[in-house]
């Protein structure tokens, strides 16, 4: 997921920079709000995804096998809650980006570019759409503890049960750099006063129930 999001955020950031040359008119605040919400969903997905990966390394399946049945059940429930939130965030990111007509109004080529980097749900499991589809499907199937644990690897973009931590940590670092550049590009679309209001609203809108109560 992390590596796949790097390409996604790079394309989106390039388009945001292009927004500066367009007059968004009455859509301007809606565009900025959607872009800010996308940022917060991406940040939360990265933050919680990193914690999950570190907890499950080096192999989620082997971690579960090493635990007693009762401890494995608790650990899987914890992981399952994170994966549910990750699935929701990926869906909301898709809604924010592809559900907005500004894609066609401001950058007609952006939709095609994003589709190219995201791939299809029928592509290999490590395309971003493939990962999202697999995580969504996970909620419909009651598999063995090992099968459930494997979805942590799926979220990480792995095709087997081993988490290649050096690569994943490098992807996370690069993703954070991309998100920071994206955030700065979005900030350039609004005045400081507007940005405070819109950012606060976007942060509130993207908090999931457990985060809002934290």
N, C-alpha and C. Protein backbone atom coordinates (compact mmCIF):
# COMPACT_ATOMS: atom_id res chain seq x y z
N UNK A 1 0.82 -1.21 0.00
CA UNK A 1 0.00 0.00 0.00
C UNK A 1 0.85 1.26 0.00
N UNK A 2 1.92 1.25 0.82
CA UNK A 2 2.73 2.46 0.96
C UNK A 2 3.41 2.83 -0.36
N UNK A 3 4.02 1.85 -1.01
CA UNK A 3 4.68 2.12 -2.28
C UNK A 3 3.71 2.57 -3.35
N UNK A 4 2.53 1.96 -3.36
CA UNK A 4 1.52 2.31 -4.35
C UNK A 4 1.00 3.73 -4.13
N UNK A 5 0.94 4.15 -2.88
CA UNK A 5 0.47 5.50 -2.57
C UNK A 5 1.47 6.58 -2.98
N UNK A 6 2.75 6.21 -3.08
CA UNK A 6 3.77 7.19 -3.50
C UNK A 6 3.45 7.70 -4.90
N UNK A 7 3.18 6.78 -5.82
CA UNK A 7 2.85 7.18 -7.18
C UNK A 7 1.57 7.99 -7.22
N UNK A 8 0.60 7.60 -6.41
CA UNK A 8 -0.68 8.30 -6.33
C UNK A 8 -0.49 9.75 -5.89
N UNK A 9 0.25 9.94 -4.80
CA UNK A 9 0.41 11.28 -4.25
C UNK A 9 1.26 12.15 -5.17
N UNK A 10 2.21 11.55 -5.89
CA UNK A 10 3.03 12.33 -6.82
C UNK A 10 2.19 12.89 -7.96
N UNK A 11 1.29 12.06 -8.51
CA UNK A 11 0.42 12.52 -9.59
C UNK A 11 -0.53 13.60 -9.07
N UNK A 12 -1.10 13.37 -7.90
CA UNK A 12 -2.05 14.33 -7.35
C UNK A 12 -1.37 15.65 -7.02
N UNK A 13 -0.15 15.59 -6.48
CA UNK A 13 0.59 16.82 -6.15
C UNK A 13 0.88 17.63 -7.40
N UNK A 14 1.29 16.96 -8.46
CA UNK A 14 1.58 17.65 -9.72
C UNK A 14 0.35 18.36 -10.24
N UNK A 15 -0.81 17.75 -10.07
CA UNK A 15 -2.06 18.37 -10.52
C UNK A 15 -2.44 19.55 -9.65
N UNK A 16 -2.17 19.44 -8.35
CA UNK A 16 -2.46 20.56 -7.45
C UNK A 16 -1.62 21.77 -7.84
N UNK A 17 -0.36 21.55 -8.16
CA UNK A 17 0.50 22.65 -8.59
C UNK A 17 -0.06 23.30 -9.84
N UNK A 18 -0.70 22.51 -10.69
CA UNK A 18 -1.30 23.02 -11.92
C UNK A 18 -2.56 23.82 -11.64
N UNK A 19 -3.20 23.56 -10.49
CA UNK A 19 -4.42 24.28 -10.13
C UNK A 19 -4.17 25.78 -10.01
N UNK A 20 -2.94 26.15 -9.67
CA UNK A 20 -2.63 27.56 -9.46
C UNK A 20 -2.87 28.39 -10.72
N UNK A 21 -2.81 27.76 -11.87
CA UNK A 21 -2.98 28.48 -13.12
C UNK A 21 -4.43 28.48 -13.60
N UNK A 22 -5.33 27.90 -12.80
CA UNK A 22 -6.73 27.83 -13.18
C UNK A 22 -7.58 28.66 -12.22
N UNK A 23 -8.65 29.17 -12.72
CA UNK A 23 -9.63 29.85 -11.89
C UNK A 23 -10.72 28.85 -11.53
N UNK A 24 -10.73 28.46 -10.25
CA UNK A 24 -11.67 27.42 -9.82
C UNK A 24 -13.06 27.98 -9.54
N UNK A 25 -13.16 29.29 -9.42
CA UNK A 25 -14.45 29.92 -9.22
C UNK A 25 -15.17 29.43 -7.98
N UNK A 26 -16.45 29.15 -8.12
CA UNK A 26 -17.28 28.75 -6.99
C UNK A 26 -16.88 27.38 -6.45
N UNK A 27 -16.10 26.63 -7.20
CA UNK A 27 -15.69 25.29 -6.76
C UNK A 27 -14.42 25.33 -5.90
N UNK A 28 -13.83 26.50 -5.76
CA UNK A 28 -12.51 26.57 -5.14
C UNK A 28 -12.48 25.98 -3.74
N UNK A 29 -13.39 26.39 -2.87
CA UNK A 29 -13.36 25.89 -1.49
C UNK A 29 -13.67 24.40 -1.43
N UNK A 30 -14.56 23.94 -2.29
CA UNK A 30 -14.89 22.52 -2.31
C UNK A 30 -13.68 21.70 -2.76
N UNK A 31 -12.94 22.23 -3.74
CA UNK A 31 -11.74 21.56 -4.23
C UNK A 31 -10.71 21.48 -3.11
N UNK A 32 -10.46 22.61 -2.46
CA UNK A 32 -9.45 22.64 -1.39
C UNK A 32 -9.84 21.72 -0.25
N UNK A 33 -11.12 21.72 0.11
CA UNK A 33 -11.60 20.84 1.19
C UNK A 33 -11.37 19.38 0.86
N UNK A 34 -11.69 19.01 -0.38
CA UNK A 34 -11.49 17.62 -0.81
C UNK A 34 -10.02 17.24 -0.78
N UNK A 35 -9.17 18.16 -1.20
CA UNK A 35 -7.73 17.90 -1.22
C UNK A 35 -7.18 17.77 0.20
N UNK A 36 -7.67 18.60 1.11
CA UNK A 36 -7.22 18.52 2.50
C UNK A 36 -7.71 17.24 3.17
N UNK A 37 -8.95 16.86 2.90
CA UNK A 37 -9.46 15.62 3.46
C UNK A 37 -8.67 14.43 2.95
N UNK A 38 -8.31 14.47 1.67
CA UNK A 38 -7.48 13.41 1.09
C UNK A 38 -6.16 13.32 1.84
N UNK A 39 -5.56 14.47 2.13
CA UNK A 39 -4.29 14.49 2.87
C UNK A 39 -4.45 13.83 4.23
N UNK A 40 -5.48 14.18 4.97
CA UNK A 40 -5.63 13.63 6.31
C UNK A 40 -5.91 12.12 6.28
N UNK A 41 -6.70 11.68 5.32
CA UNK A 41 -6.92 10.23 5.19
C UNK A 41 -5.61 9.52 4.87
N UNK A 42 -4.81 10.10 3.98
CA UNK A 42 -3.52 9.51 3.63
C UNK A 42 -2.59 9.48 4.84
N UNK A 43 -2.55 10.57 5.58
CA UNK A 43 -1.67 10.63 6.76
C UNK A 43 -2.07 9.60 7.79
N UNK A 44 -3.37 9.49 8.06
CA UNK A 44 -3.82 8.53 9.06
C UNK A 44 -3.58 7.09 8.61
N UNK A 45 -3.78 6.84 7.32
CA UNK A 45 -3.52 5.50 6.78
C UNK A 45 -2.04 5.15 6.92
N UNK A 46 -1.18 6.12 6.67
CA UNK A 46 0.25 5.88 6.79
C UNK A 46 0.66 5.68 8.24
N UNK A 47 0.18 6.56 9.13
CA UNK A 47 0.55 6.48 10.54
C UNK A 47 0.12 5.15 11.16
N UNK A 48 -1.15 4.81 10.98
CA UNK A 48 -1.64 3.58 11.62
C UNK A 48 -1.12 2.35 10.89
N UNK A 49 -0.93 2.45 9.58
CA UNK A 49 -0.37 1.33 8.84
C UNK A 49 1.04 1.02 9.29
N UNK A 50 1.83 2.04 9.56
CA UNK A 50 3.20 1.83 10.02
C UNK A 50 3.21 1.12 11.38
N UNK A 51 2.33 1.54 12.28
CA UNK A 51 2.25 0.90 13.60
C UNK A 51 1.86 -0.58 13.45
N UNK A 52 0.90 -0.84 12.58
CA UNK A 52 0.46 -2.22 12.36
C UNK A 52 1.60 -3.09 11.82
N UNK A 53 2.33 -2.58 10.83
CA UNK A 53 3.41 -3.33 10.23
C UNK A 53 4.49 -3.65 11.26
N UNK A 54 4.84 -2.69 12.08
CA UNK A 54 5.86 -2.92 13.10
C UNK A 54 5.38 -3.97 14.11
N UNK A 55 4.10 -3.98 14.41
CA UNK A 55 3.55 -4.94 15.36
C UNK A 55 3.53 -6.35 14.78
N UNK A 56 3.40 -6.46 13.47
CA UNK A 56 3.24 -7.76 12.82
C UNK A 56 4.53 -8.31 12.22
N UNK A 57 5.60 -7.53 12.23
CA UNK A 57 6.86 -7.96 11.61
C UNK A 57 7.49 -9.11 12.40
N UNK A 58 8.28 -9.96 11.70
CA UNK A 58 8.58 -9.92 10.26
C UNK A 58 7.58 -10.68 9.40
N UNK A 59 6.72 -11.47 10.06
CA UNK A 59 5.71 -12.25 9.34
C UNK A 59 4.45 -12.32 10.17
N UNK A 60 3.36 -11.68 9.73
CA UNK A 60 2.10 -11.71 10.50
C UNK A 60 1.63 -13.13 10.79
N UNK A 61 1.76 -14.01 9.83
CA UNK A 61 1.31 -15.39 10.03
C UNK A 61 2.13 -16.07 11.12
N UNK A 62 3.45 -15.89 11.09
CA UNK A 62 4.29 -16.51 12.09
C UNK A 62 4.06 -15.91 13.47
N UNK A 63 3.79 -14.61 13.53
CA UNK A 63 3.49 -13.98 14.81
C UNK A 63 2.26 -14.62 15.43
N UNK A 64 1.21 -14.82 14.65
CA UNK A 64 -0.02 -15.43 15.17
C UNK A 64 0.22 -16.88 15.57
N UNK A 65 0.98 -17.60 14.78
CA UNK A 65 1.28 -19.00 15.12
C UNK A 65 2.06 -19.13 16.42
N UNK A 66 2.84 -18.10 16.76
CA UNK A 66 3.68 -18.16 17.96
C UNK A 66 2.90 -17.88 19.24
N UNK A 67 1.66 -17.42 19.11
CA UNK A 67 0.86 -17.04 20.27
C UNK A 67 -0.09 -18.15 20.69
N UNK A 68 -0.51 -18.10 21.93
CA UNK A 68 -1.55 -19.02 22.39
C UNK A 68 -2.85 -18.68 21.68
N UNK A 69 -3.80 -19.61 21.59
CA UNK A 69 -5.07 -19.32 20.90
C UNK A 69 -5.76 -18.07 21.43
N UNK A 70 -5.75 -17.87 22.73
CA UNK A 70 -6.43 -16.70 23.30
C UNK A 70 -5.70 -15.42 22.95
N UNK A 71 -4.36 -15.44 23.04
CA UNK A 71 -3.58 -14.25 22.69
C UNK A 71 -3.67 -13.95 21.20
N UNK A 72 -3.70 -15.02 20.39
CA UNK A 72 -3.82 -14.83 18.93
C UNK A 72 -5.15 -14.19 18.59
N UNK A 73 -6.19 -14.59 19.28
CA UNK A 73 -7.51 -14.01 19.04
C UNK A 73 -7.53 -12.52 19.35
N UNK A 74 -6.89 -12.13 20.44
CA UNK A 74 -6.82 -10.71 20.82
C UNK A 74 -6.02 -9.92 19.79
N UNK A 75 -4.87 -10.49 19.39
CA UNK A 75 -4.02 -9.79 18.42
C UNK A 75 -4.72 -9.65 17.07
N UNK A 76 -5.39 -10.70 16.63
CA UNK A 76 -6.10 -10.64 15.35
C UNK A 76 -7.24 -9.62 15.38
N UNK A 77 -7.92 -9.53 16.53
CA UNK A 77 -9.00 -8.55 16.66
C UNK A 77 -8.45 -7.13 16.55
N UNK A 78 -7.29 -6.92 17.16
CA UNK A 78 -6.62 -5.61 17.08
C UNK A 78 -6.26 -5.29 15.64
N UNK A 79 -5.64 -6.26 14.96
CA UNK A 79 -5.26 -6.05 13.56
C UNK A 79 -6.48 -5.85 12.67
N UNK A 80 -7.53 -6.62 12.95
CA UNK A 80 -8.73 -6.52 12.13
C UNK A 80 -9.33 -5.13 12.21
N UNK A 81 -9.34 -4.54 13.40
CA UNK A 81 -9.88 -3.18 13.56
C UNK A 81 -9.09 -2.18 12.73
N UNK A 82 -7.76 -2.34 12.73
CA UNK A 82 -6.92 -1.44 11.93
C UNK A 82 -7.20 -1.63 10.45
N UNK A 83 -7.30 -2.88 10.00
CA UNK A 83 -7.54 -3.15 8.58
C UNK A 83 -8.90 -2.61 8.14
N UNK A 84 -9.88 -2.67 9.02
CA UNK A 84 -11.19 -2.08 8.70
C UNK A 84 -11.07 -0.58 8.48
N UNK A 85 -10.32 0.07 9.38
CA UNK A 85 -10.14 1.51 9.23
C UNK A 85 -9.33 1.83 7.97
N UNK A 86 -8.33 1.02 7.66
CA UNK A 86 -7.55 1.24 6.45
C UNK A 86 -8.41 1.10 5.20
N UNK A 87 -9.27 0.09 5.19
CA UNK A 87 -10.18 -0.11 4.06
C UNK A 87 -11.08 1.10 3.89
N UNK A 88 -11.62 1.58 5.00
CA UNK A 88 -12.51 2.75 4.96
C UNK A 88 -11.77 3.97 4.42
N UNK A 89 -10.53 4.15 4.88
CA UNK A 89 -9.77 5.32 4.42
C UNK A 89 -9.48 5.25 2.93
N UNK A 90 -9.10 4.08 2.44
CA UNK A 90 -8.84 3.94 1.00
C UNK A 90 -10.11 4.24 0.20
N UNK A 91 -11.25 3.79 0.71
CA UNK A 91 -12.51 4.06 0.02
C UNK A 91 -12.82 5.55 0.02
N UNK A 92 -12.58 6.21 1.15
CA UNK A 92 -12.88 7.64 1.24
C UNK A 92 -11.92 8.46 0.37
N UNK A 93 -10.66 8.04 0.29
CA UNK A 93 -9.72 8.72 -0.60
C UNK A 93 -10.23 8.63 -2.04
N UNK A 94 -10.68 7.45 -2.42
CA UNK A 94 -11.22 7.26 -3.77
C UNK A 94 -12.44 8.14 -3.99
N UNK A 95 -13.32 8.22 -2.98
CA UNK A 95 -14.50 9.06 -3.08
C UNK A 95 -14.12 10.53 -3.26
N UNK A 96 -13.15 10.98 -2.47
CA UNK A 96 -12.76 12.38 -2.51
C UNK A 96 -12.15 12.75 -3.87
N UNK A 97 -11.37 11.85 -4.41
CA UNK A 97 -10.66 12.17 -5.66
C UNK A 97 -11.53 11.91 -6.87
N UNK A 98 -12.11 10.72 -6.96
CA UNK A 98 -12.85 10.35 -8.16
C UNK A 98 -14.30 10.79 -8.13
N UNK A 99 -14.79 11.18 -6.96
CA UNK A 99 -16.18 11.60 -6.87
C UNK A 99 -16.37 13.09 -7.06
N UNK A 100 -15.30 13.76 -7.43
CA UNK A 100 -15.36 15.21 -7.59
C UNK A 100 -15.30 15.59 -9.07
N UNK A 101 -16.24 16.41 -9.54
CA UNK A 101 -16.22 16.78 -10.95
C UNK A 101 -15.08 17.74 -11.28
N UNK A 102 -14.37 18.27 -10.24
CA UNK A 102 -13.25 19.16 -10.54
C UNK A 102 -12.12 18.42 -11.26
N UNK A 103 -12.10 17.08 -11.17
CA UNK A 103 -11.10 16.32 -11.91
C UNK A 103 -11.21 16.61 -13.39
N UNK A 104 -12.43 16.66 -13.88
CA UNK A 104 -12.63 16.90 -15.30
C UNK A 104 -12.61 18.40 -15.64
N UNK A 105 -13.03 19.21 -14.68
CA UNK A 105 -13.09 20.64 -14.93
C UNK A 105 -11.69 21.26 -14.93
N UNK A 106 -10.89 20.88 -13.93
CA UNK A 106 -9.58 21.51 -13.76
C UNK A 106 -8.48 20.78 -14.52
N UNK A 107 -8.51 19.45 -14.50
CA UNK A 107 -7.46 18.67 -15.13
C UNK A 107 -8.06 17.43 -15.78
N UNK A 108 -8.53 17.55 -17.00
CA UNK A 108 -9.19 16.42 -17.67
C UNK A 108 -8.33 15.17 -17.75
N UNK A 109 -7.00 15.32 -17.76
CA UNK A 109 -6.12 14.16 -17.87
C UNK A 109 -5.82 13.50 -16.53
N UNK A 110 -6.22 14.17 -15.42
CA UNK A 110 -5.87 13.66 -14.10
C UNK A 110 -6.53 12.32 -13.81
N UNK A 111 -7.79 12.18 -14.18
CA UNK A 111 -8.51 10.94 -13.90
C UNK A 111 -7.79 9.75 -14.55
N UNK A 112 -7.40 9.93 -15.81
CA UNK A 112 -6.71 8.84 -16.51
C UNK A 112 -5.34 8.57 -15.88
N UNK A 113 -4.63 9.62 -15.50
CA UNK A 113 -3.32 9.44 -14.88
C UNK A 113 -3.43 8.69 -13.57
N UNK A 114 -4.42 9.05 -12.75
CA UNK A 114 -4.60 8.38 -11.46
C UNK A 114 -5.02 6.92 -11.67
N UNK A 115 -5.89 6.69 -12.62
CA UNK A 115 -6.29 5.31 -12.90
C UNK A 115 -5.09 4.47 -13.31
N UNK A 116 -4.18 5.08 -14.05
CA UNK A 116 -2.99 4.36 -14.50
C UNK A 116 -2.09 3.96 -13.33
N UNK A 117 -1.93 4.86 -12.36
CA UNK A 117 -1.03 4.54 -11.24
C UNK A 117 -1.71 3.66 -10.20
N UNK A 118 -3.04 3.74 -10.11
CA UNK A 118 -3.75 2.93 -9.12
C UNK A 118 -3.95 1.51 -9.59
N UNK A 119 -4.07 1.31 -10.89
CA UNK A 119 -4.32 -0.01 -11.41
C UNK A 119 -5.79 -0.38 -11.28
N UNK A 120 -6.09 -1.64 -11.53
CA UNK A 120 -7.46 -2.15 -11.47
C UNK A 120 -7.59 -3.14 -10.33
N UNK A 121 -8.80 -3.32 -9.85
CA UNK A 121 -9.03 -4.32 -8.80
C UNK A 121 -8.75 -5.72 -9.31
N UNK A 122 -8.64 -5.87 -10.62
CA UNK A 122 -8.34 -7.17 -11.21
C UNK A 122 -6.85 -7.34 -11.48
N UNK A 123 -6.06 -6.27 -11.22
CA UNK A 123 -4.62 -6.36 -11.39
C UNK A 123 -4.02 -7.19 -10.27
N UNK A 124 -2.69 -7.32 -10.32
CA UNK A 124 -2.01 -8.06 -9.27
C UNK A 124 -2.36 -7.48 -7.90
N UNK A 125 -2.23 -8.30 -6.87
CA UNK A 125 -2.67 -7.91 -5.52
C UNK A 125 -1.98 -6.66 -5.03
N UNK A 126 -0.79 -6.34 -5.58
CA UNK A 126 -0.06 -5.18 -5.08
C UNK A 126 -0.36 -3.88 -5.82
N UNK A 127 -1.36 -3.84 -6.71
CA UNK A 127 -1.83 -2.55 -7.20
C UNK A 127 -2.71 -1.96 -6.10
N UNK A 128 -2.80 -0.64 -6.04
CA UNK A 128 -3.56 -0.04 -4.94
C UNK A 128 -5.03 -0.43 -4.99
N UNK A 129 -5.62 -0.46 -6.17
CA UNK A 129 -7.00 -0.90 -6.28
C UNK A 129 -7.13 -2.37 -5.90
N UNK A 130 -6.10 -3.17 -6.27
CA UNK A 130 -6.12 -4.59 -5.91
C UNK A 130 -6.06 -4.78 -4.41
N UNK A 131 -5.23 -3.98 -3.74
CA UNK A 131 -5.13 -4.06 -2.28
C UNK A 131 -6.46 -3.66 -1.64
N UNK A 132 -7.04 -2.56 -2.12
CA UNK A 132 -8.33 -2.12 -1.57
C UNK A 132 -9.42 -3.16 -1.75
N UNK A 133 -9.46 -3.79 -2.94
CA UNK A 133 -10.47 -4.81 -3.20
C UNK A 133 -10.26 -6.02 -2.30
N UNK A 134 -8.99 -6.41 -2.10
CA UNK A 134 -8.69 -7.56 -1.24
C UNK A 134 -9.07 -7.28 0.21
N UNK A 135 -8.77 -6.07 0.69
CA UNK A 135 -9.12 -5.73 2.07
C UNK A 135 -10.63 -5.68 2.26
N UNK A 136 -11.33 -5.20 1.26
CA UNK A 136 -12.79 -5.17 1.35
C UNK A 136 -13.35 -6.59 1.35
N UNK A 137 -12.81 -7.45 0.51
CA UNK A 137 -13.24 -8.84 0.43
C UNK A 137 -12.97 -9.56 1.74
N UNK A 138 -11.88 -9.18 2.42
CA UNK A 138 -11.52 -9.79 3.69
C UNK A 138 -12.67 -9.77 4.69
N UNK A 139 -13.43 -8.69 4.69
CA UNK A 139 -14.52 -8.55 5.64
C UNK A 139 -15.69 -9.48 5.37
N UNK A 140 -15.70 -10.11 4.21
CA UNK A 140 -16.81 -11.02 3.86
C UNK A 140 -16.47 -12.47 4.10
N UNK A 141 -15.22 -12.77 4.45
CA UNK A 141 -14.77 -14.15 4.56
C UNK A 141 -14.26 -14.42 5.97
N UNK A 142 -14.69 -15.54 6.53
CA UNK A 142 -14.19 -15.98 7.83
C UNK A 142 -13.13 -17.05 7.62
N UNK A 143 -11.88 -16.63 7.51
CA UNK A 143 -10.80 -17.57 7.26
C UNK A 143 -10.15 -18.04 8.55
N UNK A 144 -9.14 -18.88 8.41
CA UNK A 144 -8.37 -19.35 9.56
C UNK A 144 -7.57 -18.19 10.13
N UNK A 145 -7.04 -18.32 11.36
CA UNK A 145 -6.21 -17.25 11.93
C UNK A 145 -5.05 -16.86 11.01
N UNK A 146 -4.45 -17.86 10.36
CA UNK A 146 -3.34 -17.57 9.45
C UNK A 146 -3.81 -16.77 8.24
N UNK A 147 -4.98 -17.15 7.72
CA UNK A 147 -5.52 -16.43 6.57
C UNK A 147 -5.86 -14.99 6.94
N UNK A 148 -6.39 -14.81 8.13
CA UNK A 148 -6.71 -13.45 8.58
C UNK A 148 -5.44 -12.63 8.75
N UNK A 149 -4.39 -13.26 9.31
CA UNK A 149 -3.13 -12.55 9.53
C UNK A 149 -2.49 -12.14 8.21
N UNK A 150 -2.69 -12.95 7.19
CA UNK A 150 -2.06 -12.68 5.89
C UNK A 150 -2.50 -11.33 5.32
N UNK A 151 -3.68 -10.86 5.69
CA UNK A 151 -4.17 -9.59 5.13
C UNK A 151 -3.34 -8.40 5.61
N UNK A 152 -2.60 -8.56 6.69
CA UNK A 152 -1.67 -7.50 7.08
C UNK A 152 -0.59 -7.36 6.00
N UNK A 153 -0.11 -8.51 5.50
CA UNK A 153 0.87 -8.49 4.41
C UNK A 153 0.26 -7.90 3.15
N UNK A 154 -1.01 -8.23 2.89
CA UNK A 154 -1.69 -7.68 1.72
C UNK A 154 -1.74 -6.16 1.79
N UNK A 155 -2.08 -5.63 2.98
CA UNK A 155 -2.13 -4.18 3.14
C UNK A 155 -0.77 -3.55 2.85
N UNK A 156 0.29 -4.26 3.22
CA UNK A 156 1.64 -3.73 3.01
C UNK A 156 2.10 -3.86 1.57
N UNK A 157 1.29 -4.51 0.73
CA UNK A 157 1.65 -4.67 -0.67
C UNK A 157 2.55 -5.87 -0.93
N UNK A 158 2.58 -6.81 0.02
CA UNK A 158 3.40 -8.00 -0.15
C UNK A 158 2.58 -9.11 -0.81
N UNK A 159 3.23 -9.95 -1.58
CA UNK A 159 2.56 -11.06 -2.24
C UNK A 159 2.70 -12.36 -1.46
N UNK A 160 3.60 -12.35 -0.44
CA UNK A 160 3.72 -13.53 0.40
C UNK A 160 3.53 -13.10 1.85
N UNK A 161 3.91 -13.95 2.80
CA UNK A 161 3.66 -13.65 4.21
C UNK A 161 4.82 -12.95 4.90
N UNK A 162 5.88 -12.68 4.16
CA UNK A 162 7.03 -12.02 4.77
C UNK A 162 6.99 -10.53 4.51
N UNK A 163 7.17 -9.75 5.57
CA UNK A 163 7.22 -8.30 5.44
C UNK A 163 8.67 -7.88 5.22
N UNK A 164 8.96 -7.32 4.06
CA UNK A 164 10.31 -6.86 3.75
C UNK A 164 10.48 -5.46 4.36
N UNK A 165 10.89 -5.44 5.62
CA UNK A 165 10.80 -4.23 6.42
C UNK A 165 11.70 -3.10 5.92
N UNK A 166 12.88 -3.42 5.42
CA UNK A 166 13.75 -2.35 4.91
C UNK A 166 13.06 -1.62 3.75
N UNK A 167 12.47 -2.38 2.85
CA UNK A 167 11.78 -1.77 1.72
C UNK A 167 10.57 -0.99 2.18
N UNK A 168 9.79 -1.57 3.10
CA UNK A 168 8.57 -0.92 3.57
C UNK A 168 8.89 0.38 4.30
N UNK A 169 9.90 0.35 5.16
CA UNK A 169 10.28 1.58 5.88
C UNK A 169 10.75 2.66 4.92
N UNK A 170 11.47 2.25 3.89
CA UNK A 170 11.91 3.22 2.87
C UNK A 170 10.70 3.80 2.14
N UNK A 171 9.74 2.96 1.81
CA UNK A 171 8.52 3.43 1.13
C UNK A 171 7.75 4.41 2.02
N UNK A 172 7.66 4.10 3.31
CA UNK A 172 6.95 4.99 4.23
C UNK A 172 7.64 6.35 4.31
N UNK A 173 8.96 6.34 4.38
CA UNK A 173 9.72 7.61 4.43
C UNK A 173 9.49 8.42 3.16
N UNK A 174 9.54 7.76 2.01
CA UNK A 174 9.30 8.45 0.74
C UNK A 174 7.85 8.94 0.64
N UNK A 175 6.92 8.16 1.15
CA UNK A 175 5.52 8.57 1.13
C UNK A 175 5.31 9.80 2.00
N UNK A 176 5.94 9.83 3.15
CA UNK A 176 5.80 11.01 4.03
C UNK A 176 6.37 12.26 3.36
N UNK A 177 7.47 12.11 2.65
CA UNK A 177 8.05 13.24 1.92
C UNK A 177 7.08 13.71 0.85
N UNK A 178 6.47 12.78 0.13
CA UNK A 178 5.50 13.13 -0.90
C UNK A 178 4.28 13.82 -0.33
N UNK A 179 3.82 13.34 0.82
CA UNK A 179 2.64 13.95 1.46
C UNK A 179 2.94 15.36 1.93
N UNK A 180 4.15 15.58 2.43
CA UNK A 180 4.51 16.93 2.87
C UNK A 180 4.55 17.90 1.69
N UNK A 181 5.09 17.45 0.57
CA UNK A 181 5.10 18.29 -0.64
C UNK A 181 3.68 18.55 -1.11
N UNK A 182 2.85 17.54 -1.05
CA UNK A 182 1.44 17.69 -1.43
C UNK A 182 0.74 18.68 -0.51
N UNK A 183 0.98 18.57 0.80
CA UNK A 183 0.35 19.47 1.76
C UNK A 183 0.75 20.92 1.47
N UNK A 184 2.02 21.14 1.20
CA UNK A 184 2.49 22.49 0.90
C UNK A 184 1.86 23.03 -0.38
N UNK A 185 1.69 22.15 -1.36
CA UNK A 185 1.06 22.58 -2.61
C UNK A 185 -0.38 22.99 -2.38
N UNK A 186 -1.10 22.22 -1.56
CA UNK A 186 -2.50 22.55 -1.26
C UNK A 186 -2.59 23.85 -0.50
N UNK A 187 -1.65 24.07 0.43
CA UNK A 187 -1.65 25.31 1.20
C UNK A 187 -1.53 26.53 0.31
N UNK A 188 -0.88 26.38 -0.82
CA UNK A 188 -0.71 27.50 -1.72
C UNK A 188 -1.98 27.92 -2.44
N UNK A 189 -3.04 27.12 -2.29
CA UNK A 189 -4.30 27.44 -2.95
C UNK A 189 -5.19 28.37 -2.14
N UNK A 190 -4.83 28.61 -0.87
CA UNK A 190 -5.71 29.40 0.00
C UNK A 190 -4.91 30.38 0.85
N UNK A 191 -5.57 31.38 1.34
CA UNK A 191 -4.93 32.32 2.26
C UNK A 191 -4.76 31.62 3.61
N UNK A 192 -3.93 32.18 4.46
CA UNK A 192 -3.69 31.60 5.78
C UNK A 192 -4.98 31.48 6.59
N UNK A 193 -5.80 32.53 6.50
CA UNK A 193 -7.06 32.53 7.25
C UNK A 193 -7.99 31.44 6.74
N UNK A 194 -8.11 31.34 5.44
CA UNK A 194 -8.97 30.30 4.85
C UNK A 194 -8.45 28.92 5.21
N UNK A 195 -7.14 28.77 5.15
CA UNK A 195 -6.54 27.46 5.36
C UNK A 195 -6.81 26.95 6.77
N UNK A 196 -6.77 27.84 7.75
CA UNK A 196 -7.05 27.43 9.13
C UNK A 196 -8.46 26.86 9.25
N UNK A 197 -9.41 27.58 8.70
CA UNK A 197 -10.81 27.14 8.78
C UNK A 197 -11.03 25.84 8.01
N UNK A 198 -10.53 25.79 6.78
CA UNK A 198 -10.74 24.61 5.94
C UNK A 198 -10.00 23.39 6.48
N UNK A 199 -8.81 23.60 7.04
CA UNK A 199 -8.05 22.49 7.60
C UNK A 199 -8.73 21.91 8.83
N UNK A 200 -9.23 22.79 9.68
CA UNK A 200 -9.93 22.32 10.88
C UNK A 200 -11.17 21.51 10.50
N UNK A 201 -11.90 22.00 9.51
CA UNK A 201 -13.10 21.29 9.07
C UNK A 201 -12.74 19.94 8.45
N UNK A 202 -11.65 19.92 7.66
CA UNK A 202 -11.22 18.69 7.02
C UNK A 202 -10.73 17.68 8.04
N UNK A 203 -10.00 18.15 9.05
CA UNK A 203 -9.51 17.25 10.09
C UNK A 203 -10.68 16.62 10.85
N UNK A 204 -11.68 17.43 11.18
CA UNK A 204 -12.86 16.92 11.89
C UNK A 204 -13.61 15.91 11.03
N UNK A 205 -13.75 16.20 9.75
CA UNK A 205 -14.50 15.33 8.85
C UNK A 205 -13.84 13.98 8.63
N UNK A 206 -12.52 13.92 8.81
CA UNK A 206 -11.79 12.68 8.52
C UNK A 206 -11.48 11.85 9.76
N UNK A 207 -11.84 12.35 10.94
CA UNK A 207 -11.62 11.57 12.16
C UNK A 207 -12.60 10.40 12.21
N UNK A 208 -12.09 9.23 12.47
CA UNK A 208 -12.95 8.07 12.66
C UNK A 208 -13.40 8.05 14.12
N UNK A 209 -14.48 7.32 14.45
CA UNK A 209 -15.05 7.36 15.80
C UNK A 209 -14.04 7.19 16.93
N UNK A 210 -13.11 6.21 16.82
CA UNK A 210 -12.16 5.98 17.91
C UNK A 210 -11.18 7.13 18.03
N UNK A 211 -10.90 7.82 16.91
CA UNK A 211 -9.96 8.95 16.93
C UNK A 211 -10.64 10.18 17.52
N UNK A 212 -11.92 10.35 17.21
CA UNK A 212 -12.64 11.51 17.71
C UNK A 212 -12.77 11.46 19.24
N UNK A 213 -12.77 10.23 19.79
CA UNK A 213 -12.92 10.07 21.24
C UNK A 213 -11.59 10.04 21.96
N UNK A 214 -10.49 9.97 21.19
CA UNK A 214 -9.16 9.85 21.81
C UNK A 214 -8.75 11.14 22.50
